[in-house]
């Protein structure tokens, strides 16, 4: 028991030392953060514009990929032939083989 109690005391001491170190590190990081944030604020506007452009490009790629399989998805969920949300969807002929004109 004596050894366990001594080890627990050592852990408490070590933990207190670690907390002091963490507080010092956090204080230093906050100081650095203020200095860095001033530098980054000018660059952030350019970065946001580039990010928006890249996002729009990726969204268009995803939409184009989904457009090709939209009718297949509608068929699987039972929404076909009422696929109004699918791009370039043309409803199938409701009177196949019958002259309607």
N, C-alpha and C. Protein backbone atom coordinates (compact mmCIF):
# COMPACT_ATOMS: atom_id res chain seq x y z
N UNK A 1 0.81 -1.19 0.00
CA UNK A 1 0.00 0.00 0.00
C UNK A 1 0.86 1.26 0.00
N UNK A 2 1.93 1.17 0.72
CA UNK A 2 2.79 2.35 0.78
C UNK A 2 3.31 2.71 -0.62
N UNK A 3 3.65 1.71 -1.37
CA UNK A 3 4.15 1.95 -2.72
C UNK A 3 3.06 2.55 -3.61
N UNK A 4 1.84 2.08 -3.45
CA UNK A 4 0.72 2.61 -4.23
C UNK A 4 0.45 4.07 -3.86
N UNK A 5 0.45 4.37 -2.60
CA UNK A 5 0.22 5.75 -2.16
C UNK A 5 1.31 6.69 -2.65
N UNK A 6 2.53 6.22 -2.63
CA UNK A 6 3.64 7.03 -3.12
C UNK A 6 3.48 7.27 -4.63
N UNK A 7 3.09 6.22 -5.36
CA UNK A 7 2.89 6.36 -6.80
C UNK A 7 1.76 7.35 -7.09
N UNK A 8 0.70 7.31 -6.31
CA UNK A 8 -0.42 8.24 -6.51
C UNK A 8 0.03 9.67 -6.25
N UNK A 9 0.84 9.88 -5.22
CA UNK A 9 1.37 11.21 -4.95
C UNK A 9 2.24 11.69 -6.11
N UNK A 10 3.04 10.79 -6.66
CA UNK A 10 3.87 11.15 -7.81
C UNK A 10 3.02 11.52 -9.01
N UNK A 11 1.92 10.80 -9.20
CA UNK A 11 1.02 11.11 -10.31
C UNK A 11 0.39 12.49 -10.13
N UNK A 12 -0.01 12.82 -8.93
CA UNK A 12 -0.60 14.14 -8.66
C UNK A 12 0.42 15.23 -8.96
N UNK A 13 1.63 15.05 -8.52
CA UNK A 13 2.68 16.02 -8.76
C UNK A 13 2.94 16.15 -10.26
N UNK A 14 3.03 15.02 -10.94
CA UNK A 14 3.27 15.03 -12.38
C UNK A 14 2.13 15.73 -13.10
N UNK A 15 0.89 15.43 -12.69
CA UNK A 15 -0.27 16.05 -13.31
C UNK A 15 -0.28 17.56 -13.14
N UNK A 16 0.09 18.03 -11.97
CA UNK A 16 0.15 19.48 -11.73
C UNK A 16 1.21 20.13 -12.61
N UNK A 17 2.35 19.48 -12.74
CA UNK A 17 3.40 20.00 -13.62
C UNK A 17 2.94 20.03 -15.08
N UNK A 18 2.24 18.99 -15.51
CA UNK A 18 1.73 18.95 -16.88
C UNK A 18 0.73 20.09 -17.11
N UNK A 19 -0.15 20.33 -16.14
CA UNK A 19 -1.12 21.42 -16.28
C UNK A 19 -0.43 22.77 -16.42
N UNK A 20 0.61 22.98 -15.64
CA UNK A 20 1.37 24.23 -15.75
C UNK A 20 1.97 24.38 -17.15
N UNK A 21 2.53 23.29 -17.65
CA UNK A 21 3.12 23.31 -18.99
C UNK A 21 2.06 23.59 -20.04
N UNK A 22 0.89 22.97 -19.91
CA UNK A 22 -0.18 23.18 -20.87
C UNK A 22 -0.68 24.62 -20.85
N UNK A 23 -0.78 25.19 -19.65
CA UNK A 23 -1.21 26.59 -19.54
C UNK A 23 -0.22 27.52 -20.23
N UNK A 24 1.08 27.27 -20.02
CA UNK A 24 2.09 28.09 -20.68
C UNK A 24 1.99 27.95 -22.20
N UNK A 25 1.83 26.73 -22.66
CA UNK A 25 1.72 26.50 -24.11
C UNK A 25 0.48 27.17 -24.67
N UNK A 26 -0.63 27.07 -23.96
CA UNK A 26 -1.87 27.68 -24.43
C UNK A 26 -1.73 29.20 -24.49
N UNK A 27 -1.09 29.78 -23.51
CA UNK A 27 -0.89 31.23 -23.52
C UNK A 27 -0.03 31.66 -24.69
N UNK A 28 1.02 30.90 -24.96
CA UNK A 28 1.88 31.21 -26.09
C UNK A 28 1.13 31.07 -27.41
N UNK A 29 0.30 30.04 -27.52
CA UNK A 29 -0.46 29.83 -28.74
C UNK A 29 -1.48 30.93 -28.96
N UNK A 30 -2.10 31.40 -27.88
CA UNK A 30 -3.06 32.49 -28.03
C UNK A 30 -2.38 33.76 -28.50
N UNK A 31 -1.19 34.01 -28.00
CA UNK A 31 -0.45 35.19 -28.44
C UNK A 31 -0.09 35.07 -29.91
N UNK A 32 0.39 33.87 -30.30
CA UNK A 32 0.74 33.64 -31.70
C UNK A 32 -0.49 33.72 -32.59
N UNK A 33 -1.62 33.24 -32.07
CA UNK A 33 -2.85 33.24 -32.85
C UNK A 33 -3.26 34.65 -33.21
N UNK A 34 -3.12 35.58 -32.28
CA UNK A 34 -3.48 36.97 -32.55
C UNK A 34 -2.60 37.55 -33.65
N UNK A 35 -1.32 37.24 -33.60
CA UNK A 35 -0.39 37.76 -34.61
C UNK A 35 -0.66 37.12 -35.97
N UNK A 36 -0.91 35.84 -35.97
CA UNK A 36 -1.15 35.13 -37.23
C UNK A 36 -2.50 35.53 -37.82
N UNK A 37 -3.51 35.71 -36.98
CA UNK A 37 -4.83 36.05 -37.50
C UNK A 37 -4.82 37.39 -38.21
N UNK A 38 -3.99 38.31 -37.77
CA UNK A 38 -3.89 39.59 -38.47
C UNK A 38 -3.31 39.40 -39.87
N UNK A 39 -2.34 38.50 -40.00
CA UNK A 39 -1.76 38.22 -41.31
C UNK A 39 -2.72 37.46 -42.22
N UNK A 40 -3.46 36.55 -41.63
CA UNK A 40 -4.33 35.71 -42.43
C UNK A 40 -5.61 36.40 -42.86
N UNK A 41 -6.02 37.41 -42.15
CA UNK A 41 -7.29 38.05 -42.49
C UNK A 41 -7.27 38.63 -43.90
N UNK A 42 -6.13 39.13 -44.33
CA UNK A 42 -6.02 39.66 -45.69
C UNK A 42 -6.07 38.54 -46.72
N UNK A 43 -5.47 37.41 -46.39
CA UNK A 43 -5.45 36.29 -47.33
C UNK A 43 -6.75 35.51 -47.33
N UNK A 44 -7.53 35.61 -46.26
CA UNK A 44 -8.72 34.78 -46.16
C UNK A 44 -9.76 35.12 -47.21
N UNK A 45 -9.85 36.38 -47.59
CA UNK A 45 -10.84 36.75 -48.59
C UNK A 45 -10.51 36.11 -49.93
N UNK A 46 -9.24 36.10 -50.29
CA UNK A 46 -8.82 35.45 -51.53
C UNK A 46 -9.06 33.95 -51.44
N UNK A 47 -8.75 33.39 -50.29
CA UNK A 47 -8.94 31.96 -50.09
C UNK A 47 -10.41 31.57 -50.16
N UNK A 48 -11.29 32.40 -49.61
CA UNK A 48 -12.71 32.12 -49.65
C UNK A 48 -13.23 32.14 -51.08
N UNK A 49 -12.76 33.10 -51.87
CA UNK A 49 -13.20 33.17 -53.27
C UNK A 49 -12.74 31.93 -54.03
N UNK A 50 -11.52 31.51 -53.80
CA UNK A 50 -11.00 30.31 -54.46
C UNK A 50 -11.76 29.07 -54.00
N UNK A 51 -12.10 29.04 -52.72
CA UNK A 51 -12.83 27.90 -52.18
C UNK A 51 -14.24 27.84 -52.78
N UNK A 52 -14.89 28.98 -52.90
CA UNK A 52 -16.22 29.02 -53.50
C UNK A 52 -16.18 28.53 -54.95
N UNK A 53 -15.17 28.95 -55.69
CA UNK A 53 -15.04 28.53 -57.09
C UNK A 53 -14.81 27.02 -57.17
N UNK A 54 -13.94 26.50 -56.32
CA UNK A 54 -13.67 25.06 -56.32
C UNK A 54 -14.92 24.28 -55.91
N UNK A 55 -15.67 24.82 -54.94
CA UNK A 55 -16.89 24.18 -54.49
C UNK A 55 -17.91 24.12 -55.63
N UNK A 56 -18.07 25.21 -56.35
CA UNK A 56 -19.02 25.24 -57.47
C UNK A 56 -18.62 24.22 -58.54
N UNK A 57 -17.34 24.11 -58.81
CA UNK A 57 -16.86 23.13 -59.79
C UNK A 57 -17.18 21.71 -59.35
N UNK A 58 -16.90 21.40 -58.08
CA UNK A 58 -17.17 20.06 -57.56
C UNK A 58 -18.66 19.75 -57.57
N UNK A 59 -19.48 20.73 -57.20
CA UNK A 59 -20.93 20.52 -57.20
C UNK A 59 -21.43 20.22 -58.60
N UNK A 60 -20.91 20.94 -59.58
CA UNK A 60 -21.31 20.69 -60.97
C UNK A 60 -20.90 19.29 -61.40
N UNK A 61 -19.72 18.84 -60.99
CA UNK A 61 -19.27 17.49 -61.33
C UNK A 61 -20.20 16.44 -60.72
N UNK A 62 -20.59 16.64 -59.47
CA UNK A 62 -21.47 15.68 -58.80
C UNK A 62 -22.84 15.67 -59.47
N UNK A 63 -23.38 16.86 -59.77
CA UNK A 63 -24.69 16.93 -60.41
C UNK A 63 -24.66 16.27 -61.79
N UNK A 64 -23.60 16.49 -62.55
CA UNK A 64 -23.50 15.86 -63.87
C UNK A 64 -23.41 14.34 -63.76
N UNK A 65 -22.71 13.87 -62.74
CA UNK A 65 -22.58 12.42 -62.55
C UNK A 65 -23.94 11.83 -62.17
N UNK A 66 -24.67 12.52 -61.30
CA UNK A 66 -25.98 12.03 -60.87
C UNK A 66 -27.02 12.12 -61.98
N UNK A 67 -26.88 13.10 -62.87
CA UNK A 67 -27.86 13.28 -63.93
C UNK A 67 -27.96 12.04 -64.80
N UNK A 68 -26.87 11.38 -65.03
CA UNK A 68 -26.86 10.18 -65.86
C UNK A 68 -27.57 9.00 -65.23
N UNK A 69 -27.66 8.96 -63.92
CA UNK A 69 -28.28 7.82 -63.25
C UNK A 69 -29.59 8.19 -62.56
N UNK A 70 -30.09 9.39 -62.81
CA UNK A 70 -31.28 9.87 -62.13
C UNK A 70 -32.50 8.99 -62.45
N UNK A 71 -32.70 8.68 -63.72
CA UNK A 71 -33.85 7.85 -64.10
C UNK A 71 -33.75 6.46 -63.48
N UNK A 72 -32.54 5.91 -63.42
CA UNK A 72 -32.37 4.59 -62.80
C UNK A 72 -32.75 4.63 -61.33
N UNK A 73 -32.37 5.71 -60.65
CA UNK A 73 -32.72 5.84 -59.23
C UNK A 73 -34.23 5.97 -59.08
N UNK A 74 -34.87 6.76 -59.97
CA UNK A 74 -36.33 6.92 -59.90
C UNK A 74 -37.03 5.58 -60.12
N UNK A 75 -36.53 4.76 -61.01
CA UNK A 75 -37.11 3.44 -61.26
C UNK A 75 -36.99 2.57 -60.02
N UNK A 76 -35.85 2.64 -59.35
CA UNK A 76 -35.63 1.82 -58.17
C UNK A 76 -36.55 2.19 -57.02
N UNK A 77 -36.86 3.48 -56.88
CA UNK A 77 -37.72 3.90 -55.76
C UNK A 77 -39.18 3.99 -56.16
N UNK A 78 -39.50 3.64 -57.43
CA UNK A 78 -40.88 3.61 -57.87
C UNK A 78 -41.44 4.96 -58.28
N UNK A 79 -40.60 5.93 -58.51
CA UNK A 79 -41.06 7.26 -58.91
C UNK A 79 -41.15 7.42 -60.41
N UNK A 80 -40.63 6.46 -61.15
CA UNK A 80 -40.65 6.54 -62.61
C UNK A 80 -42.05 6.22 -63.10
N UNK A 81 -42.64 6.89 -64.02
CA UNK A 81 -42.16 7.89 -64.96
C UNK A 81 -42.44 9.32 -64.52
N UNK A 82 -42.66 9.55 -63.26
CA UNK A 82 -42.92 10.92 -62.78
C UNK A 82 -41.63 11.54 -62.28
N UNK A 83 -40.62 11.58 -63.14
CA UNK A 83 -39.28 12.06 -62.79
C UNK A 83 -39.10 13.52 -63.18
N UNK A 84 -39.95 14.38 -62.70
CA UNK A 84 -39.86 15.79 -63.09
C UNK A 84 -38.56 16.43 -62.63
N UNK A 85 -37.95 15.91 -61.55
CA UNK A 85 -36.72 16.52 -61.04
C UNK A 85 -35.48 16.10 -61.80
N UNK A 86 -35.58 15.06 -62.62
CA UNK A 86 -34.41 14.62 -63.38
C UNK A 86 -34.17 15.57 -64.55
N UNK A 87 -32.92 15.98 -64.76
CA UNK A 87 -32.63 16.89 -65.85
C UNK A 87 -32.84 16.21 -67.20
N UNK A 88 -33.38 16.94 -68.15
CA UNK A 88 -33.62 16.46 -69.51
C UNK A 88 -34.50 15.21 -69.55
N UNK A 89 -35.41 15.06 -68.60
CA UNK A 89 -36.28 13.90 -68.58
C UNK A 89 -37.40 14.08 -69.59
N UNK A 90 -37.61 13.06 -70.39
CA UNK A 90 -38.72 13.02 -71.34
C UNK A 90 -39.58 11.83 -70.95
N UNK A 91 -40.84 12.11 -70.64
CA UNK A 91 -41.73 11.04 -70.22
C UNK A 91 -41.93 10.04 -71.35
N UNK A 92 -42.04 8.76 -71.01
CA UNK A 92 -42.25 7.77 -72.05
C UNK A 92 -43.64 7.94 -72.67
N UNK A 93 -43.79 7.43 -73.87
CA UNK A 93 -45.06 7.53 -74.58
C UNK A 93 -46.13 6.81 -73.79
N UNK A 94 -47.22 7.49 -73.47
CA UNK A 94 -48.28 6.89 -72.67
C UNK A 94 -49.19 5.99 -73.50
N UNK A 95 -49.09 6.09 -74.84
CA UNK A 95 -49.90 5.25 -75.73
C UNK A 95 -48.99 4.59 -76.77
N UNK A 96 -48.16 3.65 -76.36
CA UNK A 96 -47.24 3.04 -77.31
C UNK A 96 -47.98 2.26 -78.39
N UNK A 97 -47.55 2.44 -79.62
CA UNK A 97 -48.12 1.71 -80.75
C UNK A 97 -49.43 2.26 -81.24
N UNK A 98 -49.93 3.35 -80.68
CA UNK A 98 -51.21 3.93 -81.09
C UNK A 98 -50.95 5.27 -81.76
N UNK A 99 -51.61 5.47 -82.91
CA UNK A 99 -51.49 6.73 -83.62
C UNK A 99 -52.35 7.77 -82.89
N UNK A 100 -51.70 8.82 -82.36
CA UNK A 100 -52.44 9.82 -81.58
C UNK A 100 -52.57 11.15 -82.28
N UNK A 101 -52.17 11.27 -83.50
CA UNK A 101 -52.30 12.56 -84.18
C UNK A 101 -53.35 12.47 -85.18
